[in-house]
Structures are given as structure tokens and as C-alpha cells.
Amino acid sequence: MQMRLEDFRDETCLWCGGEIDMDQPHASKRLYCGSECRNAYHNDLRKQGERGDRLALNRHCRLCERPIPAERDLRAIYCSHRCKKLTMQRAYRARQRNLVEIGRQAIAQSRFHCQEITT
């Protein structure tokens, strides 16, 4: 025997358990007492699903290799703000060192070029 949604329908809201006003149009087909309960129910389902999906991903931090918590965004590549900050600081310092080296090379080349012109 196949179960249908109508078999479970009654006059109580699926989310809050409150009573559904049967005087409204299509009240016999309603599952929630209002849009707030409907939205809350579906938001909760979405959050539970996302959390389960995140737990199943088994993601690890790019810096420290610890697991990324399920509460973090799905696009997160670091386990914490601290790991992200350390990575960004290291990248910034590397760029600064690179710029200093490029500047030194440019100065050395300009001196060499100036010596050729004056002689």
C-alpha cells in the first residue's frame, strides 16, 4: 500500500503544532499555519542537509591540515580565521620581498645603463 501526503494531513501545523484555520481557501491541503512556519521548516531542513553534506565532505585546512568544522562555509579552505590570517600575512610578506628584489634589480640595471651612456 502506497502512503500519500493526504493520509498524514490533519488540522495542525507541521512546524509549530498550532491549529490551521480551516476557513481559509484550500485549508485541507495546507501543512503549515502560515508562511513563517513554512519558511522556518524549510530553512531548518536546508540547514540540516547542508550540515550533513559538510560533515560528509571531510575537508581539511590548507595550512594546518586539521578538519574544517561543518559550521564553516562550503567554500572555506581554512579551518579558522587565524589560519587564513597567517596565510595572507605570509603571502603579503612574500610579495613585499619580491618587490624589494625587483626594485634592487631595476636600480642595478639603471646604473649599468647610465654608465654605458656616459662613457
PDB file of N, CA and C in Angstrom:
ATOM      1  N   MET A   1       0.840  -1.183   0.000  1.00  0.00           N
ATOM      2  CA  MET A   1       0.000   0.000   0.000  1.00  0.00           C
ATOM      3  C   MET A   1       0.887   1.248   0.000  1.00  0.00           C
ATOM      4  N   GLN A   2       0.623   2.142  -0.907  1.00  0.00           N
ATOM      5  CA  GLN A   2       1.411   3.364  -1.029  1.00  0.00           C
ATOM      6  C   GLN A   2       0.810   4.457  -0.147  1.00  0.00           C
ATOM      7  N   MET A   3       1.681   5.107   0.641  1.00  0.00           N
ATOM      8  CA  MET A   3       1.219   6.183   1.525  1.00  0.00           C
ATOM      9  C   MET A   3       1.264   7.502   0.759  1.00  0.00           C
ATOM     10  N   ARG A   4       0.257   8.314   0.969  1.00  0.00           N
ATOM     11  CA  ARG A   4       0.190   9.618   0.330  1.00  0.00           C
ATOM     12  C   ARG A   4       0.201  10.696   1.400  1.00  0.00           C
ATOM     13  N   LEU A   5       0.545  11.913   0.997  1.00  0.00           N
ATOM     14  CA  LEU A   5       0.605  13.030   1.935  1.00  0.00           C
ATOM     15  C   LEU A   5      -0.754  13.288   2.569  1.00  0.00           C
ATOM     16  N   GLU A   6      -1.812  13.052   1.821  1.00  0.00           N
ATOM     17  CA  GLU A   6      -3.154  13.287   2.342  1.00  0.00           C
ATOM     18  C   GLU A   6      -3.464  12.382   3.537  1.00  0.00           C
ATOM     19  N   ASP A   7      -2.807  11.220   3.590  1.00  0.00           N
ATOM     20  CA  ASP A   7      -3.036  10.291   4.697  1.00  0.00           C
ATOM     21  C   ASP A   7      -2.528  10.854   6.023  1.00  0.00           C
ATOM     22  N   PHE A   8      -1.551  11.750   5.973  1.00  0.00           N
ATOM     23  CA  PHE A   8      -0.958  12.314   7.182  1.00  0.00           C
ATOM     24  C   PHE A   8      -1.527  13.677   7.548  1.00  0.00           C
ATOM     25  N   ARG A   9      -2.335  14.234   6.681  1.00  0.00           N
ATOM     26  CA  ARG A   9      -2.819  15.593   6.864  1.00  0.00           C
ATOM     27  C   ARG A   9      -3.828  15.664   8.009  1.00  0.00           C
ATOM     28  N   ASP A  10      -3.658  16.677   8.841  1.00  0.00           N
ATOM     29  CA  ASP A  10      -4.651  16.950   9.881  1.00  0.00           C
ATOM     30  C   ASP A  10      -4.748  18.461  10.048  1.00  0.00           C
ATOM     31  N   GLU A  11      -5.293  18.915  11.117  1.00  0.00           N
ATOM     32  CA  GLU A  11      -5.511  20.348  11.294  1.00  0.00           C
ATOM     33  C   GLU A  11      -4.420  21.008  12.127  1.00  0.00           C
ATOM     34  N   THR A  12      -3.241  20.402  12.224  1.00  0.00           N
ATOM     35  CA  THR A  12      -2.143  21.000  12.987  1.00  0.00           C
ATOM     36  C   THR A  12      -0.970  21.284  12.062  1.00  0.00           C
ATOM     37  N   CYS A  13      -0.241  22.328  12.390  1.00  0.00           N
ATOM     38  CA  CYS A  13       0.920  22.774  11.621  1.00  0.00           C
ATOM     39  C   CYS A  13       2.074  21.780  11.805  1.00  0.00           C
ATOM     40  N   LEU A  14       2.776  21.467  10.726  1.00  0.00           N
ATOM     41  CA  LEU A  14       3.921  20.555  10.807  1.00  0.00           C
ATOM     42  C   LEU A  14       5.077  21.150  11.606  1.00  0.00           C
ATOM     43  N   TRP A  15       5.192  22.476  11.636  1.00  0.00           N
ATOM     44  CA  TRP A  15       6.326  23.111  12.299  1.00  0.00           C
ATOM     45  C   TRP A  15       6.046  23.409  13.773  1.00  0.00           C
ATOM     46  N   CYS A  16       5.008  24.163  14.034  1.00  0.00           N
ATOM     47  CA  CYS A  16       4.767  24.615  15.412  1.00  0.00           C
ATOM     48  C   CYS A  16       3.701  23.797  16.132  1.00  0.00           C
ATOM     49  N   GLY A  17       2.939  23.007  15.397  1.00  0.00           N
ATOM     50  CA  GLY A  17       1.874  22.226  16.014  1.00  0.00           C
ATOM     51  C   GLY A  17       0.608  23.024  16.263  1.00  0.00           C
ATOM     52  N   GLY A  18       0.611  24.284  15.836  1.00  0.00           N
ATOM     53  CA  GLY A  18      -0.566  25.132  16.004  1.00  0.00           C
ATOM     54  C   GLY A  18      -1.702  24.695  15.094  1.00  0.00           C
ATOM     55  N   GLU A  19      -2.860  25.228  15.350  1.00  0.00           N
ATOM     56  CA  GLU A  19      -4.043  24.842  14.586  1.00  0.00           C
ATOM     57  C   GLU A  19      -4.100  25.604  13.267  1.00  0.00           C
ATOM     58  N   ILE A  20      -4.450  24.907  12.198  1.00  0.00           N
ATOM     59  CA  ILE A  20      -4.615  25.517  10.879  1.00  0.00           C
ATOM     60  C   ILE A  20      -6.059  25.972  10.750  1.00  0.00           C
ATOM     61  N   ASP A  21      -6.245  27.222  10.339  1.00  0.00           N
ATOM     62  CA  ASP A  21      -7.585  27.784  10.177  1.00  0.00           C
ATOM     63  C   ASP A  21      -8.264  27.121   8.981  1.00  0.00           C
ATOM     64  N   MET A  22      -9.262  26.315   9.238  1.00  0.00           N
ATOM     65  CA  MET A  22      -9.936  25.556   8.181  1.00  0.00           C
ATOM     66  C   MET A  22     -10.903  26.410   7.361  1.00  0.00           C
ATOM     67  N   ASP A  23     -11.096  27.686   7.745  1.00  0.00           N
ATOM     68  CA  ASP A  23     -11.989  28.566   6.997  1.00  0.00           C
ATOM     69  C   ASP A  23     -11.290  29.184   5.791  1.00  0.00           C
ATOM     70  N   GLN A  24      -9.983  29.091   5.715  1.00  0.00           N
ATOM     71  CA  GLN A  24      -9.235  29.672   4.608  1.00  0.00           C
ATOM     72  C   GLN A  24      -9.347  28.790   3.365  1.00  0.00           C
ATOM     73  N   PRO A  25      -9.137  29.396   2.181  1.00  0.00           N
ATOM     74  CA  PRO A  25      -9.199  28.603   0.953  1.00  0.00           C
ATOM     75  C   PRO A  25      -8.111  27.523   0.943  1.00  0.00           C
ATOM     76  N   HIS A  26      -8.440  26.369   0.447  1.00  0.00           N
ATOM     77  CA  HIS A  26      -7.530  25.227   0.324  1.00  0.00           C
ATOM     78  C   HIS A  26      -6.954  24.802   1.671  1.00  0.00           C
ATOM     79  N   ALA A  27      -7.676  25.012   2.732  1.00  0.00           N
ATOM     80  CA  ALA A  27      -7.191  24.676   4.073  1.00  0.00           C
ATOM     81  C   ALA A  27      -6.938  23.185   4.220  1.00  0.00           C
ATOM     82  N   SER A  28      -7.674  22.374   3.510  1.00  0.00           N
ATOM     83  CA  SER A  28      -7.483  20.929   3.635  1.00  0.00           C
ATOM     84  C   SER A  28      -6.144  20.480   3.052  1.00  0.00           C
ATOM     85  N   LYS A  29      -5.534  21.309   2.203  1.00  0.00           N
ATOM     86  CA  LYS A  29      -4.242  20.978   1.595  1.00  0.00           C
ATOM     87  C   LYS A  29      -3.069  21.642   2.312  1.00  0.00           C
ATOM     88  N   ARG A  30      -3.344  22.475   3.283  1.00  0.00           N
ATOM     89  CA  ARG A  30      -2.278  23.217   3.954  1.00  0.00           C
ATOM     90  C   ARG A  30      -1.552  22.344   4.963  1.00  0.00           C
ATOM     91  N   LEU A  31      -0.240  22.534   5.049  1.00  0.00           N
ATOM     92  CA  LEU A  31       0.587  21.797   6.002  1.00  0.00           C
ATOM     93  C   LEU A  31       1.052  22.677   7.154  1.00  0.00           C
ATOM     94  N   TYR A  32       1.056  23.999   6.947  1.00  0.00           N
ATOM     95  CA  TYR A  32       1.590  24.943   7.935  1.00  0.00           C
ATOM     96  C   TYR A  32       0.541  26.001   8.231  1.00  0.00           C
ATOM     97  N   CYS A  33       0.617  26.578   9.412  1.00  0.00           N
ATOM     98  CA  CYS A  33      -0.373  27.589   9.790  1.00  0.00           C
ATOM     99  C   CYS A  33      -0.128  28.923   9.091  1.00  0.00           C
ATOM    100  N   GLY A  34       1.084  29.167   8.618  1.00  0.00           N
ATOM    101  CA  GLY A  34       1.381  30.412   7.930  1.00  0.00           C
ATOM    102  C   GLY A  34       2.714  30.336   7.212  1.00  0.00           C
ATOM    103  N   SER A  35       3.051  31.427   6.523  1.00  0.00           N
ATOM    104  CA  SER A  35       4.297  31.445   5.757  1.00  0.00           C
ATOM    105  C   SER A  35       5.524  31.425   6.669  1.00  0.00           C
ATOM    106  N   GLU A  36       5.412  31.978   7.883  1.00  0.00           N
ATOM    107  CA  GLU A  36       6.550  31.965   8.804  1.00  0.00           C
ATOM    108  C   GLU A  36       6.930  30.532   9.163  1.00  0.00           C
ATOM    109  N   CYS A  37       5.941  29.715   9.472  1.00  0.00           N
ATOM    110  CA  CYS A  37       6.205  28.311   9.825  1.00  0.00           C
ATOM    111  C   CYS A  37       6.722  27.532   8.618  1.00  0.00           C
ATOM    112  N   ARG A  38       6.146  27.789   7.454  1.00  0.00           N
ATOM    113  CA  ARG A  38       6.597  27.098   6.243  1.00  0.00           C
ATOM    114  C   ARG A  38       8.062  27.426   5.963  1.00  0.00           C
ATOM    115  N   ASN A  39       8.411  28.723   6.044  1.00  0.00           N
ATOM    116  CA  ASN A  39       9.791  29.132   5.796  1.00  0.00           C
ATOM    117  C   ASN A  39      10.737  28.569   6.847  1.00  0.00           C
ATOM    118  N   ALA A  40      10.329  28.610   8.107  1.00  0.00           N
ATOM    119  CA  ALA A  40      11.174  28.076   9.180  1.00  0.00           C
ATOM    120  C   ALA A  40      11.414  26.583   8.989  1.00  0.00           C
ATOM    121  N   TYR A  41      10.374  25.860   8.616  1.00  0.00           N
ATOM    122  CA  TYR A  41      10.500  24.413   8.399  1.00  0.00           C
ATOM    123  C   TYR A  41      11.490  24.116   7.272  1.00  0.00           C
ATOM    124  N   HIS A  42      11.342  24.805   6.151  1.00  0.00           N
ATOM    125  CA  HIS A  42      12.216  24.544   5.008  1.00  0.00           C
ATOM    126  C   HIS A  42      13.638  25.044   5.258  1.00  0.00           C
ATOM    127  N   ASN A  43      13.796  26.150   5.972  1.00  0.00           N
ATOM    128  CA  ASN A  43      15.139  26.612   6.333  1.00  0.00           C
ATOM    129  C   ASN A  43      15.839  25.599   7.224  1.00  0.00           C
ATOM    130  N   ASP A  44      15.099  25.032   8.167  1.00  0.00           N
ATOM    131  CA  ASP A  44      15.672  24.027   9.055  1.00  0.00           C
ATOM    132  C   ASP A  44      16.086  22.779   8.268  1.00  0.00           C
ATOM    133  N   LEU A  45      15.249  22.344   7.347  1.00  0.00           N
ATOM    134  CA  LEU A  45      15.601  21.191   6.510  1.00  0.00           C
ATOM    135  C   LEU A  45      16.864  21.467   5.706  1.00  0.00           C
ATOM    136  N   ARG A  46      16.947  22.678   5.138  1.00  0.00           N
ATOM    137  CA  ARG A  46      18.111  23.041   4.337  1.00  0.00           C
ATOM    138  C   ARG A  46      19.368  23.036   5.190  1.00  0.00           C
ATOM    139  N   LYS A  47      19.288  23.630   6.391  1.00  0.00           N
ATOM    140  CA  LYS A  47      20.454  23.681   7.274  1.00  0.00           C
ATOM    141  C   LYS A  47      20.899  22.288   7.691  1.00  0.00           C
ATOM    142  N   GLN A  48      19.954  21.429   8.004  1.00  0.00           N
ATOM    143  CA  GLN A  48      20.307  20.059   8.384  1.00  0.00           C
ATOM    144  C   GLN A  48      20.976  19.339   7.224  1.00  0.00           C
ATOM    145  N   GLY A  49      20.456  19.541   6.035  1.00  0.00           N
ATOM    146  CA  GLY A  49      21.038  18.904   4.858  1.00  0.00           C
ATOM    147  C   GLY A  49      22.427  19.415   4.567  1.00  0.00           C
ATOM    148  N   GLU A  50      22.622  20.734   4.640  1.00  0.00           N
ATOM    149  CA  GLU A  50      23.935  21.314   4.391  1.00  0.00           C
ATOM    150  C   GLU A  50      24.938  20.831   5.427  1.00  0.00           C
ATOM    151  N   ARG A  51      24.519  20.784   6.678  1.00  0.00           N
ATOM    152  CA  ARG A  51      25.427  20.335   7.731  1.00  0.00           C
ATOM    153  C   ARG A  51      25.834  18.888   7.487  1.00  0.00           C
ATOM    154  N   GLY A  52      24.891  18.057   7.101  1.00  0.00           N
ATOM    155  CA  GLY A  52      25.210  16.667   6.794  1.00  0.00           C
ATOM    156  C   GLY A  52      26.143  16.561   5.602  1.00  0.00           C
ATOM    157  N   ASP A  53      25.899  17.390   4.579  1.00  0.00           N
ATOM    158  CA  ASP A  53      26.771  17.390   3.405  1.00  0.00           C
ATOM    159  C   ASP A  53      28.176  17.829   3.777  1.00  0.00           C
ATOM    160  N   ARG A  54      28.286  18.829   4.635  1.00  0.00           N
ATOM    161  CA  ARG A  54      29.600  19.329   5.035  1.00  0.00           C
ATOM    162  C   ARG A  54      30.356  18.297   5.856  1.00  0.00           C
ATOM    163  N   LEU A  55      29.645  17.584   6.714  1.00  0.00           N
ATOM    164  CA  LEU A  55      30.306  16.554   7.511  1.00  0.00           C
ATOM    165  C   LEU A  55      30.821  15.436   6.613  1.00  0.00           C
ATOM    166  N   ALA A  56      30.085  15.146   5.561  1.00  0.00           N
ATOM    167  CA  ALA A  56      30.474  14.063   4.666  1.00  0.00           C
ATOM    168  C   ALA A  56      31.639  14.452   3.759  1.00  0.00           C
ATOM    169  N   LEU A  57      31.900  15.753   3.593  1.00  0.00           N
ATOM    170  CA  LEU A  57      32.954  16.186   2.681  1.00  0.00           C
ATOM    171  C   LEU A  57      34.351  15.857   3.188  1.00  0.00           C
ATOM    172  N   ASN A  58      34.544  15.846   4.496  1.00  0.00           N
ATOM    173  CA  ASN A  58      35.839  15.535   5.093  1.00  0.00           C
ATOM    174  C   ASN A  58      36.926  16.478   4.561  1.00  0.00           C
ATOM    175  N   ARG A  59      36.682  17.777   4.679  1.00  0.00           N
ATOM    176  CA  ARG A  59      37.619  18.787   4.192  1.00  0.00           C
ATOM    177  C   ARG A  59      38.693  19.065   5.233  1.00  0.00           C
ATOM    178  N   HIS A  60      39.891  19.475   4.783  1.00  0.00           N
ATOM    179  CA  HIS A  60      40.986  19.783   5.690  1.00  0.00           C
ATOM    180  C   HIS A  60      41.574  21.149   5.351  1.00  0.00           C
ATOM    181  N   CYS A  61      42.083  21.818   6.374  1.00  0.00           N
ATOM    182  CA  CYS A  61      42.670  23.155   6.260  1.00  0.00           C
ATOM    183  C   CYS A  61      43.930  23.095   5.395  1.00  0.00           C
ATOM    184  N   ARG A  62      44.117  24.092   4.551  1.00  0.00           N
ATOM    185  CA  ARG A  62      45.303  24.145   3.693  1.00  0.00           C
ATOM    186  C   ARG A  62      46.575  24.465   4.469  1.00  0.00           C
ATOM    187  N   LEU A  63      46.435  25.088   5.623  1.00  0.00           N
ATOM    188  CA  LEU A  63      47.615  25.475   6.390  1.00  0.00           C
ATOM    189  C   LEU A  63      48.005  24.421   7.417  1.00  0.00           C
ATOM    190  N   CYS A  64      47.077  24.042   8.269  1.00  0.00           N
ATOM    191  CA  CYS A  64      47.418  23.170   9.401  1.00  0.00           C
ATOM    192  C   CYS A  64      46.940  21.732   9.231  1.00  0.00           C
ATOM    193  N   GLU A  65      46.203  21.439   8.171  1.00  0.00           N
ATOM    194  CA  GLU A  65      45.716  20.089   7.872  1.00  0.00           C
ATOM    195  C   GLU A  65      44.670  19.558   8.853  1.00  0.00           C
ATOM    196  N   ARG A  66      44.155  20.412   9.757  1.00  0.00           N
ATOM    197  CA  ARG A  66      43.075  19.971  10.648  1.00  0.00           C
ATOM    198  C   ARG A  66      41.767  19.962   9.868  1.00  0.00           C
ATOM    199  N   PRO A  67      40.764  19.169  10.314  1.00  0.00           N
ATOM    200  CA  PRO A  67      39.477  19.159   9.608  1.00  0.00           C
ATOM    201  C   PRO A  67      38.773  20.510   9.719  1.00  0.00           C
ATOM    202  N   ILE A  68      38.114  20.917   8.654  1.00  0.00           N
ATOM    203  CA  ILE A  68      37.350  22.166   8.652  1.00  0.00           C
ATOM    204  C   ILE A  68      36.009  21.889   9.313  1.00  0.00           C
ATOM    205  N   PRO A  69      35.621  22.686  10.322  1.00  0.00           N
ATOM    206  CA  PRO A  69      34.342  22.451  11.010  1.00  0.00           C
ATOM    207  C   PRO A  69      33.160  22.541  10.047  1.00  0.00           C
ATOM    208  N   ALA A  70      32.122  21.773  10.330  1.00  0.00           N
ATOM    209  CA  ALA A  70      30.942  21.733   9.462  1.00  0.00           C
ATOM    210  C   ALA A  70      30.216  23.070   9.434  1.00  0.00           C
ATOM    211  N   GLU A  71      30.395  23.904  10.466  1.00  0.00           N
ATOM    212  CA  GLU A  71      29.706  25.199  10.521  1.00  0.00           C
ATOM    213  C   GLU A  71      30.292  26.197   9.531  1.00  0.00           C
ATOM    214  N   ARG A  72      31.528  25.960   9.083  1.00  0.00           N
ATOM    215  CA  ARG A  72      32.175  26.889   8.154  1.00  0.00           C
ATOM    216  C   ARG A  72      31.513  26.801   6.781  1.00  0.00           C
ATOM    217  N   ASP A  73      31.631  27.866   6.019  1.00  0.00           N
ATOM    218  CA  ASP A  73      31.070  27.933   4.679  1.00  0.00           C
ATOM    219  C   ASP A  73      31.618  26.797   3.811  1.00  0.00           C
ATOM    220  N   LEU A  74      30.823  26.353   2.858  1.00  0.00           N
ATOM    221  CA  LEU A  74      31.254  25.261   1.983  1.00  0.00           C
ATOM    222  C   LEU A  74      32.476  25.634   1.156  1.00  0.00           C
ATOM    223  N   ARG A  75      32.685  26.928   0.930  1.00  0.00           N
ATOM    224  CA  ARG A  75      33.838  27.371   0.143  1.00  0.00           C
ATOM    225  C   ARG A  75      35.080  27.573   0.987  1.00  0.00           C
ATOM    226  N   ALA A  76      34.975  27.386   2.298  1.00  0.00           N
ATOM    227  CA  ALA A  76      36.099  27.624   3.202  1.00  0.00           C
ATOM    228  C   ALA A  76      37.245  26.667   2.897  1.00  0.00           C
ATOM    229  N   ILE A  77      38.471  27.204   2.913  1.00  0.00           N
ATOM    230  CA  ILE A  77      39.642  26.358   2.704  1.00  0.00           C
ATOM    231  C   ILE A  77      40.547  26.363   3.933  1.00  0.00           C
ATOM    232  N   TYR A  78      40.191  27.164   4.935  1.00  0.00           N
ATOM    233  CA  TYR A  78      40.938  27.208   6.190  1.00  0.00           C
ATOM    234  C   TYR A  78      39.999  26.865   7.335  1.00  0.00           C
ATOM    235  N   CYS A  79      40.541  26.258   8.388  1.00  0.00           N
ATOM    236  CA  CYS A  79      39.700  25.812   9.500  1.00  0.00           C
ATOM    237  C   CYS A  79      39.305  26.959  10.421  1.00  0.00           C
ATOM    238  N   SER A  80      40.047  28.067  10.402  1.00  0.00           N
ATOM    239  CA  SER A  80      39.752  29.177  11.304  1.00  0.00           C
ATOM    240  C   SER A  80      40.208  30.488  10.674  1.00  0.00           C
ATOM    241  N   HIS A  81      39.785  31.577  11.310  1.00  0.00           N
ATOM    242  CA  HIS A  81      40.224  32.897  10.847  1.00  0.00           C
ATOM    243  C   HIS A  81      41.723  33.056  11.078  1.00  0.00           C
ATOM    244  N   ARG A  82      42.241  32.437  12.121  1.00  0.00           N
ATOM    245  CA  ARG A  82      43.670  32.518  12.425  1.00  0.00           C
ATOM    246  C   ARG A  82      44.506  31.914  11.288  1.00  0.00           C
ATOM    247  N   CYS A  83      44.125  30.729  10.816  1.00  0.00           N
ATOM    248  CA  CYS A  83      44.866  30.087   9.721  1.00  0.00           C
ATOM    249  C   CYS A  83      44.806  30.936   8.451  1.00  0.00           C
ATOM    250  N   LYS A  84      43.638  31.503   8.173  1.00  0.00           N
ATOM    251  CA  LYS A  84      43.507  32.343   6.986  1.00  0.00           C
ATOM    252  C   LYS A  84      44.389  33.581   7.115  1.00  0.00           C
ATOM    253  N   LYS A  85      44.385  34.196   8.300  1.00  0.00           N
ATOM    254  CA  LYS A  85      45.178  35.403   8.524  1.00  0.00           C
ATOM    255  C   LYS A  85      46.670  35.110   8.371  1.00  0.00           C
ATOM    256  N   LEU A  86      47.135  34.002   8.944  1.00  0.00           N
ATOM    257  CA  LEU A  86      48.549  33.637   8.826  1.00  0.00           C
ATOM    258  C   LEU A  86      48.945  33.416   7.367  1.00  0.00           C
ATOM    259  N   THR A  87      48.089  32.766   6.610  1.00  0.00           N
ATOM    260  CA  THR A  87      48.380  32.518   5.200  1.00  0.00           C
ATOM    261  C   THR A  87      48.449  33.825   4.422  1.00  0.00           C
ATOM    262  N   MET A  88      47.509  34.725   4.682  1.00  0.00           N
ATOM    263  CA  MET A  88      47.500  36.009   3.981  1.00  0.00           C
ATOM    264  C   MET A  88      48.728  36.844   4.346  1.00  0.00           C
ATOM    265  N   GLN A  89      49.135  36.808   5.619  1.00  0.00           N
ATOM    266  CA  GLN A  89      50.327  37.542   6.040  1.00  0.00           C
ATOM    267  C   GLN A  89      51.573  37.006   5.345  1.00  0.00           C
ATOM    268  N   ARG A  90      51.676  35.686   5.254  1.00  0.00           N
ATOM    269  CA  ARG A  90      52.835  35.088   4.584  1.00  0.00           C
ATOM    270  C   ARG A  90      52.872  35.475   3.114  1.00  0.00           C
ATOM    271  N   ALA A  91      51.735  35.462   2.461  1.00  0.00           N
ATOM    272  CA  ALA A  91      51.673  35.824   1.044  1.00  0.00           C
ATOM    273  C   ALA A  91      52.036  37.299   0.854  1.00  0.00           C
ATOM    274  N   TYR A  92      51.552  38.164   1.751  1.00  0.00           N
ATOM    275  CA  TYR A  92      51.852  39.595   1.661  1.00  0.00           C
ATOM    276  C   TYR A  92      53.351  39.838   1.832  1.00  0.00           C
ATOM    277  N   ARG A  93      53.937  39.177   2.830  1.00  0.00           N
ATOM    278  CA  ARG A  93      55.381  39.353   3.064  1.00  0.00           C
ATOM    279  C   ARG A  93      56.203  38.851   1.885  1.00  0.00           C
ATOM    280  N   ALA A  94      55.789  37.762   1.282  1.00  0.00           N
ATOM    281  CA  ALA A  94      56.499  37.232   0.118  1.00  0.00           C
ATOM    282  C   ALA A  94      56.423  38.219  -1.044  1.00  0.00           C
ATOM    283  N   ARG A  95      55.250  38.830  -1.246  1.00  0.00           N
ATOM    284  CA  ARG A  95      55.124  39.836  -2.308  1.00  0.00           C
ATOM    285  C   ARG A  95      56.016  41.036  -2.026  1.00  0.00           C
ATOM    286  N   GLN A  96      56.074  41.457  -0.765  1.00  0.00           N
ATOM    287  CA  GLN A  96      56.910  42.607  -0.411  1.00  0.00           C
ATOM    288  C   GLN A  96      58.383  42.302  -0.676  1.00  0.00           C
ATOM    289  N   ARG A  97      58.833  41.096  -0.284  1.00  0.00           N
ATOM    290  CA  ARG A  97      60.232  40.715  -0.537  1.00  0.00           C
ATOM    291  C   ARG A  97      60.506  40.671  -2.035  1.00  0.00           C
ATOM    292  N   ASN A  98      59.563  40.180  -2.800  1.00  0.00           N
ATOM    293  CA  ASN A  98      59.712  40.102  -4.246  1.00  0.00           C
ATOM    294  C   ASN A  98      59.809  41.503  -4.849  1.00  0.00           C
ATOM    295  N   LEU A  99      58.985  42.425  -4.373  1.00  0.00           N
ATOM    296  CA  LEU A  99      59.032  43.798  -4.887  1.00  0.00           C
ATOM    297  C   LEU A  99      60.349  44.473  -4.549  1.00  0.00           C
ATOM    298  N   VAL A 100      60.864  44.232  -3.360  1.00  0.00           N
ATOM    299  CA  VAL A 100      62.155  44.807  -2.972  1.00  0.00           C
ATOM    300  C   VAL A 100      63.247  44.279  -3.892  1.00  0.00           C
ATOM    301  N   GLU A 101      63.230  42.987  -4.171  1.00  0.00           N
ATOM    302  CA  GLU A 101      64.234  42.391  -5.056  1.00  0.00           C
ATOM    303  C   GLU A 101      64.117  42.945  -6.473  1.00  0.00           C
ATOM    304  N   ILE A 102      62.903  43.107  -6.963  1.00  0.00           N
ATOM    305  CA  ILE A 102      62.698  43.686  -8.297  1.00  0.00           C
ATOM    306  C   ILE A 102      63.223  45.117  -8.330  1.00  0.00           C
ATOM    307  N   GLY A 103      62.979  45.864  -7.251  1.00  0.00           N
ATOM    308  CA  GLY A 103      63.482  47.233  -7.170  1.00  0.00           C
ATOM    309  C   GLY A 103      64.998  47.286  -7.189  1.00  0.00           C
ATOM    310  N   ARG A 104      65.637  46.389  -6.472  1.00  0.00           N
ATOM    311  CA  ARG A 104      67.112  46.338  -6.462  1.00  0.00           C
ATOM    312  C   ARG A 104      67.648  46.028  -7.851  1.00  0.00           C
ATOM    313  N   GLN A 105      67.016  45.083  -8.534  1.00  0.00           N
ATOM    314  CA  GLN A 105      67.457  44.733  -9.883  1.00  0.00           C
ATOM    315  C   GLN A 105      67.268  45.907 -10.836  1.00  0.00           C
ATOM    316  N   ALA A 106      66.163  46.624 -10.704  1.00  0.00           N
ATOM    317  CA  ALA A 106      65.904  47.768 -11.578  1.00  0.00           C
ATOM    318  C   ALA A 106      66.936  48.864 -11.346  1.00  0.00           C
ATOM    319  N   ILE A 107      67.285  49.115 -10.088  1.00  0.00           N
ATOM    320  CA  ILE A 107      68.290  50.140  -9.777  1.00  0.00           C
ATOM    321  C   ILE A 107      69.641  49.729 -10.340  1.00  0.00           C
ATOM    322  N   ALA A 108      69.992  48.466 -10.176  1.00  0.00           N
ATOM    323  CA  ALA A 108      71.277  47.985 -10.690  1.00  0.00           C
ATOM    324  C   ALA A 108      71.323  48.098 -12.209  1.00  0.00           C
ATOM    325  N   GLN A 109      70.247  47.767 -12.887  1.00  0.00           N
ATOM    326  CA  GLN A 109      70.210  47.860 -14.344  1.00  0.00           C
ATOM    327  C   GLN A 109      70.265  49.310 -14.803  1.00  0.00           C
ATOM    328  N   SER A 110      69.608  50.203 -14.081  1.00  0.00           N
ATOM    329  CA  SER A 110      69.628  51.609 -14.484  1.00  0.00           C
ATOM    330  C   SER A 110      71.024  52.194 -14.293  1.00  0.00           C
ATOM    331  N   ARG A 111      71.733  51.794 -13.245  1.00  0.00           N
ATOM    332  CA  ARG A 111      73.112  52.270 -13.047  1.00  0.00           C
ATOM    333  C   ARG A 111      74.002  51.777 -14.177  1.00  0.00           C
ATOM    334  N   PHE A 112      73.825  50.510 -14.539  1.00  0.00           N
ATOM    335  CA  PHE A 112      74.618  49.945 -15.626  1.00  0.00           C
ATOM    336  C   PHE A 112      74.318  50.681 -16.920  1.00  0.00           C
ATOM    337  N   HIS A 113      73.051  50.954 -17.180  1.00  0.00           N
ATOM    338  CA  HIS A 113      72.640  51.652 -18.390  1.00  0.00           C
ATOM    339  C   HIS A 113      73.184  53.083 -18.395  1.00  0.00           C
ATOM    340  N   CYS A 114      73.153  53.763 -17.265  1.00  0.00           N
ATOM    341  CA  CYS A 114      73.656  55.135 -17.176  1.00  0.00           C
ATOM    342  C   CYS A 114      75.162  55.166 -17.407  1.00  0.00           C
ATOM    343  N   GLN A 115      75.882  54.162 -16.930  1.00  0.00           N
ATOM    344  CA  GLN A 115      77.333  54.121 -17.139  1.00  0.00           C
ATOM    345  C   GLN A 115      77.651  53.948 -18.616  1.00  0.00           C
ATOM    346  N   GLU A 116      76.849  53.179 -19.351  1.00  0.00           N
ATOM    347  CA  GLU A 116      77.085  52.990 -20.781  1.00  0.00           C
ATOM    348  C   GLU A 116      76.888  54.296 -21.544  1.00  0.00           C
ATOM    349  N   ILE A 117      75.907  55.079 -21.140  1.00  0.00           N
ATOM    350  CA  ILE A 117      75.594  56.323 -21.842  1.00  0.00           C
ATOM    351  C   ILE A 117      76.700  57.353 -21.616  1.00  0.00           C
ATOM    352  N   THR A 118      77.221  57.455 -20.398  1.00  0.00           N
ATOM    353  CA  THR A 118      78.218  58.479 -20.088  1.00  0.00           C
ATOM    354  C   THR A 118      79.594  58.133 -20.634  1.00  0.00           C
ATOM    355  N   THR A 119      79.870  56.913 -20.946  1.00  0.00           N
ATOM    356  CA  THR A 119      81.205  56.571 -21.438  1.00  0.00           C
ATOM    357  C   THR A 119      81.292  56.519 -22.928  1.00  0.00           C
TER     358      THR A 119
END
